[in-house]
Amino acid sequence: TRMEWLCRGTCETCQKLGREDSCMFGKCQNLDTDACWRYAFHWNAVLARNSGGFVLQVIENNQLGQGQRIQLEIAKTSGIKVFQLHTADLVRKNVLDDLACKVQAWNRSRKLPHAQHNTGATFTWDAISDKEEALQAVSVRGDDLRFVSSELKADAEVVRVAVMQNGASLQYAHEDFCQNEELVKLAGLAADNLRGNRRIVLSAKLGVHGKTSPASIRLFMDLHEHHFFKGFAMYNPRAYCKGFCGQAEIDKRIAEYREGAKDLFTSLDWPCRGECSADTPDSCWRCSFRWHQEKAKRTGGFMIQLKENNELDDGQRVEEIMAELVGVHVLKLNDVDFLRPDYRDELAYRVMKECYFMHLVK
């Protein structure tokens, strides 16, 4: 899989072809079982291209492997369309529906026949810009909010109808709605929507809008539906808009045009570890998060820390430090775990094993 090896699967570059008549393009419908893998990939890519197909490439841990980079070069040379999926995308229940929409949109946008090269083809679709059409779509399937225009994602009526149909669709709304108290409760993302006194605190990437993965919303909704976790109340910080005790310093740095001023919000360099004030609607997010961690410990609960794209962000590292200071138990979960249909049962077993037998759950 070394990039330095010049073979790109063509008759001209593949050194495993020992004679001129070994080139099978256009001559044979079958491929030798011992053919060079690069040649075999190119051969199949051409067949797929000529039949109107495409390449589907799965990106793990947010990066391509060496072999995948070679395959991408071969695909571009072959003139075949490439669709890419990240493993983080696979946590969404409707990921295949999304892919189907992209393929259909690509097919509609193509101007050349299937049998011709289609290099440079890109997937685009026309967002729904008519409000009545958008309302009809999201009333049937709330997730279709992601297909409406930016203007309609900022329309209160459209967003409300979508959230009523599917609470998880809130992640596709304009950022002004993502921490709206009424919509958060309507979506079922508020802590008081779960029964029980024991507390689960969710540590996920900060921020609700589209810059973050929908994994934490998926986790929240999944646990809400599971028989074991219905006995807990869950605090989801993504659902609330909180302040920051270092806001004055951020404003000062912005006024001085200092680079990365807003990064202080989640920076480990800022000394606050949640002891700056009492928990109020306008309090520092670190103070609020620690208050819920302490409540989780007192009630026999725990913290679930969700790692997305195989990494924690700075805010989660701060939350991890505070969990150690408070002494609340932490269960770590990767977004790729969602791929297993029984992941909630496995998580419940971990709670029983790691918490019950440690006398944390009473």
Foldseek 3Di string as FASTA:
>chain_A
DDPPQQDQQAPVRDPVPPDDVPGCVVPDPDDDPPDDPNVVLLNVLLVQQQVLHAAEAEAALNDDDNVVVSSVVSNLVSQGHYDYHYLLLVLDPCSVVVVVVQSVQLVVPDDDDSRDRNHPRDTDDQAAADPVVLLVVLLVALLCLLRHDLVVLAPPVSNQSNLLRALLSLQNHPQVRQQPPVSCVSNCNAQVSADAQAEEEEAEDEERHPVDRSLVVSVNVVLCPDPLSSRYGYHYLNNADEEAPCVVQLVVCVVVVHPPSVVVLLAPPPPDQQPPDDDDSHHRPNVPSLVRLLSNQVQLHAYEYEAESNHHDSNSVSSVVSCVVSVGHYHYDYSSCSVDVCSVVVVSVCCCVVRVVVVSHD
